[in-house]
Amino acid sequence: MTKVPSINYERVIKALQRDGWVVVRCKGSHFRLQKNTRSEMLKLTVPAHRPIKRSTISHILKQARLTLEEFEEIL
């Protein structure tokens, strides 16, 4: 099993956008993203930190319903 990387917020947001997420707003040091699926609308927040902690990225991936392997492919 691979460790979650610690990377900048710009790369995280660009990778999520490739997966279909849309930046809805940016307020302060946080970006709000959302994605419409067939059954529901998913929302998540990405902090504008350099770098984002590995634990925070892990929580973002859980909210985005992405595995680490899927995330690394779109990264």
PDB file of N, CA and C in Angstrom:
ATOM      1  N   MET A   1       0.840  -1.181   0.000  1.00  0.00           N
ATOM      2  CA  MET A   1       0.000   0.000   0.000  1.00  0.00           C
ATOM      3  C   MET A   1       0.886   1.245   0.000  1.00  0.00           C
ATOM      4  N   THR A   2       0.542   2.207  -0.832  1.00  0.00           N
ATOM      5  CA  THR A   2       1.312   3.420  -0.984  1.00  0.00           C
ATOM      6  C   THR A   2       0.829   4.486  -0.012  1.00  0.00           C
ATOM      7  N   LYS A   3       1.746   5.335   0.406  1.00  0.00           N
ATOM      8  CA  LYS A   3       1.381   6.441   1.271  1.00  0.00           C
ATOM      9  C   LYS A   3       0.727   7.543   0.448  1.00  0.00           C
ATOM     10  N   VAL A   4      -0.148   8.270   1.097  1.00  0.00           N
ATOM     11  CA  VAL A   4      -0.781   9.422   0.452  1.00  0.00           C
ATOM     12  C   VAL A   4       0.284  10.508   0.316  1.00  0.00           C
ATOM     13  N   PRO A   5       0.443  11.096  -0.864  1.00  0.00           N
ATOM     14  CA  PRO A   5       1.466  12.127  -1.036  1.00  0.00           C
ATOM     15  C   PRO A   5       1.063  13.439  -0.370  1.00  0.00           C
ATOM     16  N   SER A   6       2.047  14.235  -0.030  1.00  0.00           N
ATOM     17  CA  SER A   6       1.820  15.575   0.493  1.00  0.00           C
ATOM     18  C   SER A   6       2.128  16.540  -0.649  1.00  0.00           C
ATOM     19  N   ILE A   7       1.092  17.173  -1.204  1.00  0.00           N
ATOM     20  CA  ILE A   7       1.270  18.009  -2.391  1.00  0.00           C
ATOM     21  C   ILE A   7       0.564  19.345  -2.221  1.00  0.00           C
ATOM     22  N   ASN A   8       0.818  20.254  -3.143  1.00  0.00           N
ATOM     23  CA  ASN A   8       0.222  21.587  -3.106  1.00  0.00           C
ATOM     24  C   ASN A   8      -1.253  21.546  -3.482  1.00  0.00           C
ATOM     25  N   TYR A   9      -1.984  22.541  -3.002  1.00  0.00           N
ATOM     26  CA  TYR A   9      -3.426  22.581  -3.247  1.00  0.00           C
ATOM     27  C   TYR A   9      -3.765  22.762  -4.719  1.00  0.00           C
ATOM     28  N   GLU A  10      -2.899  23.443  -5.492  1.00  0.00           N
ATOM     29  CA  GLU A  10      -3.201  23.648  -6.919  1.00  0.00           C
ATOM     30  C   GLU A  10      -3.279  22.313  -7.655  1.00  0.00           C
ATOM     31  N   ARG A  11      -2.346  21.413  -7.336  1.00  0.00           N
ATOM     32  CA  ARG A  11      -2.342  20.095  -7.990  1.00  0.00           C
ATOM     33  C   ARG A  11      -3.544  19.272  -7.569  1.00  0.00           C
ATOM     34  N   VAL A  12      -3.953  19.384  -6.313  1.00  0.00           N
ATOM     35  CA  VAL A  12      -5.124  18.649  -5.837  1.00  0.00           C
ATOM     36  C   VAL A  12      -6.377  19.137  -6.555  1.00  0.00           C
ATOM     37  N   ILE A  13      -6.536  20.450  -6.666  1.00  0.00           N
ATOM     38  CA  ILE A  13      -7.724  21.011  -7.326  1.00  0.00           C
ATOM     39  C   ILE A  13      -7.748  20.644  -8.803  1.00  0.00           C
ATOM     40  N   LYS A  14      -6.615  20.728  -9.490  1.00  0.00           N
ATOM     41  CA  LYS A  14      -6.568  20.368 -10.914  1.00  0.00           C
ATOM     42  C   LYS A  14      -6.894  18.895 -11.124  1.00  0.00           C
ATOM     43  N   ALA A  15      -6.409  18.040 -10.230  1.00  0.00           N
ATOM     44  CA  ALA A  15      -6.704  16.607 -10.347  1.00  0.00           C
ATOM     45  C   ALA A  15      -8.189  16.358 -10.122  1.00  0.00           C
ATOM     46  N   LEU A  16      -8.780  17.027  -9.141  1.00  0.00           N
ATOM     47  CA  LEU A  16     -10.214  16.851  -8.880  1.00  0.00           C
ATOM     48  C   LEU A  16     -11.048  17.390 -10.046  1.00  0.00           C
ATOM     49  N   GLN A  17     -10.599  18.471 -10.677  1.00  0.00           N
ATOM     50  CA  GLN A  17     -11.319  19.004 -11.838  1.00  0.00           C
ATOM     51  C   GLN A  17     -11.286  18.008 -12.995  1.00  0.00           C
ATOM     52  N   ARG A  18     -10.198  17.281 -13.147  1.00  0.00           N
ATOM     53  CA  ARG A  18     -10.135  16.249 -14.186  1.00  0.00           C
ATOM     54  C   ARG A  18     -11.121  15.119 -13.913  1.00  0.00           C
ATOM     55  N   ASP A  19     -11.475  14.956 -12.631  1.00  0.00           N
ATOM     56  CA  ASP A  19     -12.443  13.923 -12.243  1.00  0.00           C
ATOM     57  C   ASP A  19     -13.878  14.434 -12.320  1.00  0.00           C
ATOM     58  N   GLY A  20     -14.089  15.684 -12.694  1.00  0.00           N
ATOM     59  CA  GLY A  20     -15.435  16.206 -12.856  1.00  0.00           C
ATOM     60  C   GLY A  20     -15.885  17.185 -11.777  1.00  0.00           C
ATOM     61  N   TRP A  21     -15.012  17.526 -10.848  1.00  0.00           N
ATOM     62  CA  TRP A  21     -15.339  18.480  -9.794  1.00  0.00           C
ATOM     63  C   TRP A  21     -15.243  19.895 -10.339  1.00  0.00           C
ATOM     64  N   VAL A  22     -16.070  20.797  -9.813  1.00  0.00           N
ATOM     65  CA  VAL A  22     -16.105  22.187 -10.254  1.00  0.00           C
ATOM     66  C   VAL A  22     -15.874  23.080  -9.042  1.00  0.00           C
ATOM     67  N   VAL A  23     -14.991  24.082  -9.199  1.00  0.00           N
ATOM     68  CA  VAL A  23     -14.771  25.049  -8.123  1.00  0.00           C
ATOM     69  C   VAL A  23     -15.971  25.984  -8.092  1.00  0.00           C
ATOM     70  N   VAL A  24     -16.675  25.987  -6.965  1.00  0.00           N
ATOM     71  CA  VAL A  24     -17.871  26.807  -6.820  1.00  0.00           C
ATOM     72  C   VAL A  24     -17.518  28.180  -6.280  1.00  0.00           C
ATOM     73  N   ARG A  25     -16.618  28.198  -5.284  1.00  0.00           N
ATOM     74  CA  ARG A  25     -16.214  29.477  -4.721  1.00  0.00           C
ATOM     75  C   ARG A  25     -14.888  29.324  -3.998  1.00  0.00           C
ATOM     76  N   CYS A  26     -14.283  30.472  -3.733  1.00  0.00           N
ATOM     77  CA  CYS A  26     -13.053  30.534  -2.949  1.00  0.00           C
ATOM     78  C   CYS A  26     -13.250  31.637  -1.929  1.00  0.00           C
ATOM     79  N   LYS A  27     -13.225  31.256  -0.668  1.00  0.00           N
ATOM     80  CA  LYS A  27     -13.414  32.241   0.382  1.00  0.00           C
ATOM     81  C   LYS A  27     -12.271  32.097   1.371  1.00  0.00           C
ATOM     82  N   GLY A  28     -11.491  33.150   1.528  1.00  0.00           N
ATOM     83  CA  GLY A  28     -10.342  33.081   2.425  1.00  0.00           C
ATOM     84  C   GLY A  28      -9.305  32.131   1.876  1.00  0.00           C
ATOM     85  N   SER A  29      -8.940  31.152   2.671  1.00  0.00           N
ATOM     86  CA  SER A  29      -7.907  30.214   2.243  1.00  0.00           C
ATOM     87  C   SER A  29      -8.479  28.828   1.979  1.00  0.00           C
ATOM     88  N   HIS A  30      -9.746  28.764   1.532  1.00  0.00           N
ATOM     89  CA  HIS A  30     -10.368  27.477   1.245  1.00  0.00           C
ATOM     90  C   HIS A  30     -11.140  27.545  -0.067  1.00  0.00           C
ATOM     91  N   PHE A  31     -11.047  26.471  -0.839  1.00  0.00           N
ATOM     92  CA  PHE A  31     -11.788  26.338  -2.088  1.00  0.00           C
ATOM     93  C   PHE A  31     -12.925  25.365  -1.874  1.00  0.00           C
ATOM     94  N   ARG A  32     -14.110  25.698  -2.363  1.00  0.00           N
ATOM     95  CA  ARG A  32     -15.273  24.816  -2.263  1.00  0.00           C
ATOM     96  C   ARG A  32     -15.515  24.214  -3.628  1.00  0.00           C
ATOM     97  N   LEU A  33     -15.584  22.888  -3.707  1.00  0.00           N
ATOM     98  CA  LEU A  33     -15.822  22.181  -4.956  1.00  0.00           C
ATOM     99  C   LEU A  33     -17.079  21.350  -4.835  1.00  0.00           C
ATOM    100  N   GLN A  34     -17.724  21.106  -5.975  1.00  0.00           N
ATOM    101  CA  GLN A  34     -18.887  20.230  -5.973  1.00  0.00           C
ATOM    102  C   GLN A  34     -18.930  19.425  -7.257  1.00  0.00           C
ATOM    103  N   LYS A  35     -19.620  18.284  -7.163  1.00  0.00           N
ATOM    104  CA  LYS A  35     -19.749  17.372  -8.302  1.00  0.00           C
ATOM    105  C   LYS A  35     -21.149  16.790  -8.273  1.00  0.00           C
ATOM    106  N   ASN A  36     -21.828  16.865  -9.394  1.00  0.00           N
ATOM    107  CA  ASN A  36     -23.165  16.292  -9.502  1.00  0.00           C
ATOM    108  C   ASN A  36     -23.059  14.859 -10.004  1.00  0.00           C
ATOM    109  N   THR A  37     -23.659  13.947  -9.262  1.00  0.00           N
ATOM    110  CA  THR A  37     -23.762  12.567  -9.710  1.00  0.00           C
ATOM    111  C   THR A  37     -25.223  12.306 -10.038  1.00  0.00           C
ATOM    112  N   ARG A  38     -25.521  11.113 -10.477  1.00  0.00           N
ATOM    113  CA  ARG A  38     -26.915  10.803 -10.828  1.00  0.00           C
ATOM    114  C   ARG A  38     -27.843  10.883  -9.624  1.00  0.00           C
ATOM    115  N   SER A  39     -27.351  10.471  -8.463  1.00  0.00           N
ATOM    116  CA  SER A  39     -28.229  10.391  -7.306  1.00  0.00           C
ATOM    117  C   SER A  39     -28.082  11.543  -6.320  1.00  0.00           C
ATOM    118  N   GLU A  40     -26.942  12.245  -6.339  1.00  0.00           N
ATOM    119  CA  GLU A  40     -26.732  13.297  -5.353  1.00  0.00           C
ATOM    120  C   GLU A  40     -25.690  14.304  -5.809  1.00  0.00           C
ATOM    121  N   MET A  41     -25.571  15.396  -5.039  1.00  0.00           N
ATOM    122  CA  MET A  41     -24.556  16.406  -5.298  1.00  0.00           C
ATOM    123  C   MET A  41     -23.527  16.324  -4.171  1.00  0.00           C
ATOM    124  N   LEU A  42     -22.271  16.040  -4.535  1.00  0.00           N
ATOM    125  CA  LEU A  42     -21.199  15.917  -3.560  1.00  0.00           C
ATOM    126  C   LEU A  42     -20.498  17.257  -3.400  1.00  0.00           C
ATOM    127  N   LYS A  43     -20.093  17.578  -2.174  1.00  0.00           N
ATOM    128  CA  LYS A  43     -19.384  18.822  -1.894  1.00  0.00           C
ATOM    129  C   LYS A  43     -18.161  18.515  -1.051  1.00  0.00           C
ATOM    130  N   LEU A  44     -17.100  19.282  -1.279  1.00  0.00           N
ATOM    131  CA  LEU A  44     -15.915  19.157  -0.434  1.00  0.00           C
ATOM    132  C   LEU A  44     -15.162  20.474  -0.417  1.00  0.00           C
ATOM    133  N   THR A  45     -14.298  20.617   0.577  1.00  0.00           N
ATOM    134  CA  THR A  45     -13.500  21.821   0.755  1.00  0.00           C
ATOM    135  C   THR A  45     -12.029  21.460   0.719  1.00  0.00           C
ATOM    136  N   VAL A  46     -11.265  22.244  -0.045  1.00  0.00           N
ATOM    137  CA  VAL A  46      -9.823  22.038  -0.141  1.00  0.00           C
ATOM    138  C   VAL A  46      -9.135  23.273   0.433  1.00  0.00           C
ATOM    139  N   PRO A  47      -8.292  23.109   1.456  1.00  0.00           N
ATOM    140  CA  PRO A  47      -7.580  24.260   2.009  1.00  0.00           C
ATOM    141  C   PRO A  47      -6.458  24.702   1.078  1.00  0.00           C
ATOM    142  N   ALA A  48      -6.214  25.994   1.028  1.00  0.00           N
ATOM    143  CA  ALA A  48      -5.154  26.541   0.169  1.00  0.00           C
ATOM    144  C   ALA A  48      -3.850  26.548   0.948  1.00  0.00           C
ATOM    145  N   HIS A  49      -3.305  25.363   1.190  1.00  0.00           N
ATOM    146  CA  HIS A  49      -2.058  25.215   1.924  1.00  0.00           C
ATOM    147  C   HIS A  49      -0.982  24.665   1.010  1.00  0.00           C
ATOM    148  N   ARG A  50       0.263  25.015   1.310  1.00  0.00           N
ATOM    149  CA  ARG A  50       1.399  24.492   0.557  1.00  0.00           C
ATOM    150  C   ARG A  50       2.361  23.878   1.529  1.00  0.00           C
ATOM    151  N   PRO A  51       2.528  22.639   1.594  1.00  0.00           N
ATOM    152  CA  PRO A  51       1.703  21.578   1.021  1.00  0.00           C
ATOM    153  C   PRO A  51       0.543  21.227   1.944  1.00  0.00           C
ATOM    154  N   ILE A  52      -0.427  20.497   1.402  1.00  0.00           N
ATOM    155  CA  ILE A  52      -1.536  19.995   2.210  1.00  0.00           C
ATOM    156  C   ILE A  52      -1.046  18.738   2.922  1.00  0.00           C
ATOM    157  N   LYS A  53      -1.375  18.606   4.191  1.00  0.00           N
ATOM    158  CA  LYS A  53      -0.948  17.439   4.953  1.00  0.00           C
ATOM    159  C   LYS A  53      -1.524  16.165   4.349  1.00  0.00           C
ATOM    160  N   ARG A  54      -0.805  15.079   4.541  1.00  0.00           N
ATOM    161  CA  ARG A  54      -1.242  13.788   4.002  1.00  0.00           C
ATOM    162  C   ARG A  54      -2.568  13.349   4.602  1.00  0.00           C
ATOM    163  N   SER A  55      -2.783  13.611   5.878  1.00  0.00           N
ATOM    164  CA  SER A  55      -4.046  13.218   6.507  1.00  0.00           C
ATOM    165  C   SER A  55      -5.215  14.009   5.926  1.00  0.00           C
ATOM    166  N   THR A  56      -4.984  15.285   5.620  1.00  0.00           N
ATOM    167  CA  THR A  56      -6.040  16.106   5.022  1.00  0.00           C
ATOM    168  C   THR A  56      -6.377  15.616   3.623  1.00  0.00           C
ATOM    169  N   ILE A  57      -5.359  15.271   2.846  1.00  0.00           N
ATOM    170  CA  ILE A  57      -5.593  14.741   1.494  1.00  0.00           C
ATOM    171  C   ILE A  57      -6.351  13.424   1.580  1.00  0.00           C
ATOM    172  N   SER A  58      -6.031  12.621   2.566  1.00  0.00           N
ATOM    173  CA  SER A  58      -6.743  11.358   2.760  1.00  0.00           C
ATOM    174  C   SER A  58      -8.228  11.597   3.012  1.00  0.00           C
ATOM    175  N   HIS A  59      -8.555  12.592   3.831  1.00  0.00           N
ATOM    176  CA  HIS A  59      -9.958  12.924   4.098  1.00  0.00           C
ATOM    177  C   HIS A  59     -10.645  13.488   2.850  1.00  0.00           C
ATOM    178  N   ILE A  60      -9.926  14.284   2.068  1.00  0.00           N
ATOM    179  CA  ILE A  60     -10.486  14.822   0.823  1.00  0.00           C
ATOM    180  C   ILE A  60     -10.815  13.689  -0.132  1.00  0.00           C
ATOM    181  N   LEU A  61      -9.925  12.697  -0.238  1.00  0.00           N
ATOM    182  CA  LEU A  61     -10.164  11.568  -1.135  1.00  0.00           C
ATOM    183  C   LEU A  61     -11.371  10.749  -0.683  1.00  0.00           C
ATOM    184  N   LYS A  62     -11.570  10.605   0.619  1.00  0.00           N
ATOM    185  CA  LYS A  62     -12.739   9.889   1.118  1.00  0.00           C
ATOM    186  C   LYS A  62     -14.015  10.627   0.759  1.00  0.00           C
ATOM    187  N   GLN A  63     -14.010  11.958   0.911  1.00  0.00           N
ATOM    188  CA  GLN A  63     -15.184  12.750   0.564  1.00  0.00           C
ATOM    189  C   GLN A  63     -15.447  12.721  -0.934  1.00  0.00           C
ATOM    190  N   ALA A  64     -14.370  12.686  -1.727  1.00  0.00           N
ATOM    191  CA  ALA A  64     -14.503  12.665  -3.182  1.00  0.00           C
ATOM    192  C   ALA A  64     -14.818  11.274  -3.709  1.00  0.00           C
ATOM    193  N   ARG A  65     -14.780  10.269  -2.807  1.00  0.00           N
ATOM    194  CA  ARG A  65     -15.029   8.874  -3.164  1.00  0.00           C
ATOM    195  C   ARG A  65     -14.028   8.377  -4.210  1.00  0.00           C
ATOM    196  N   LEU A  66     -12.751   8.717  -3.981  1.00  0.00           N
ATOM    197  CA  LEU A  66     -11.657   8.279  -4.845  1.00  0.00           C
ATOM    198  C   LEU A  66     -10.696   7.426  -4.040  1.00  0.00           C
ATOM    199  N   THR A  67     -10.154   6.407  -4.689  1.00  0.00           N
ATOM    200  CA  THR A  67      -9.091   5.633  -4.053  1.00  0.00           C
ATOM    201  C   THR A  67      -7.767   6.334  -4.326  1.00  0.00           C
ATOM    202  N   LEU A  68      -6.747   5.940  -3.611  1.00  0.00           N
ATOM    203  CA  LEU A  68      -5.425   6.540  -3.809  1.00  0.00           C
ATOM    204  C   LEU A  68      -4.908   6.238  -5.211  1.00  0.00           C
ATOM    205  N   GLU A  69      -5.179   5.038  -5.712  1.00  0.00           N
ATOM    206  CA  GLU A  69      -4.725   4.680  -7.057  1.00  0.00           C
ATOM    207  C   GLU A  69      -5.426   5.525  -8.121  1.00  0.00           C
ATOM    208  N   GLU A  70      -6.727   5.744  -7.965  1.00  0.00           N
ATOM    209  CA  GLU A  70      -7.458   6.591  -8.915  1.00  0.00           C
ATOM    210  C   GLU A  70      -6.942   8.020  -8.874  1.00  0.00           C
ATOM    211  N   PHE A  71      -6.663   8.512  -7.670  1.00  0.00           N
ATOM    212  CA  PHE A  71      -6.157   9.861  -7.518  1.00  0.00           C
ATOM    213  C   PHE A  71      -4.787  10.023  -8.179  1.00  0.00           C
ATOM    214  N   GLU A  72      -3.912   9.051  -7.989  1.00  0.00           N
ATOM    215  CA  GLU A  72      -2.574   9.128  -8.586  1.00  0.00           C
ATOM    216  C   GLU A  72      -2.632   9.068 -10.111  1.00  0.00           C
ATOM    217  N   GLU A  73      -3.625   8.372 -10.671  1.00  0.00           N
ATOM    218  CA  GLU A  73      -3.788   8.313 -12.127  1.00  0.00           C
ATOM    219  C   GLU A  73      -4.160   9.680 -12.690  1.00  0.00           C
ATOM    220  N   ILE A  74      -5.080  10.395 -12.021  1.00  0.00           N
ATOM    221  CA  ILE A  74      -5.515  11.701 -12.539  1.00  0.00           C
ATOM    222  C   ILE A  74      -4.595  12.830 -12.100  1.00  0.00           C
ATOM    223  N   LEU A  75      -3.671  12.525 -11.199  1.00  0.00           N
ATOM    224  CA  LEU A  75      -2.729  13.540 -10.731  1.00  0.00           C
ATOM    225  C   LEU A  75      -1.748  13.833 -11.847  1.00  0.00           C
TER     226      LEU A  75
END
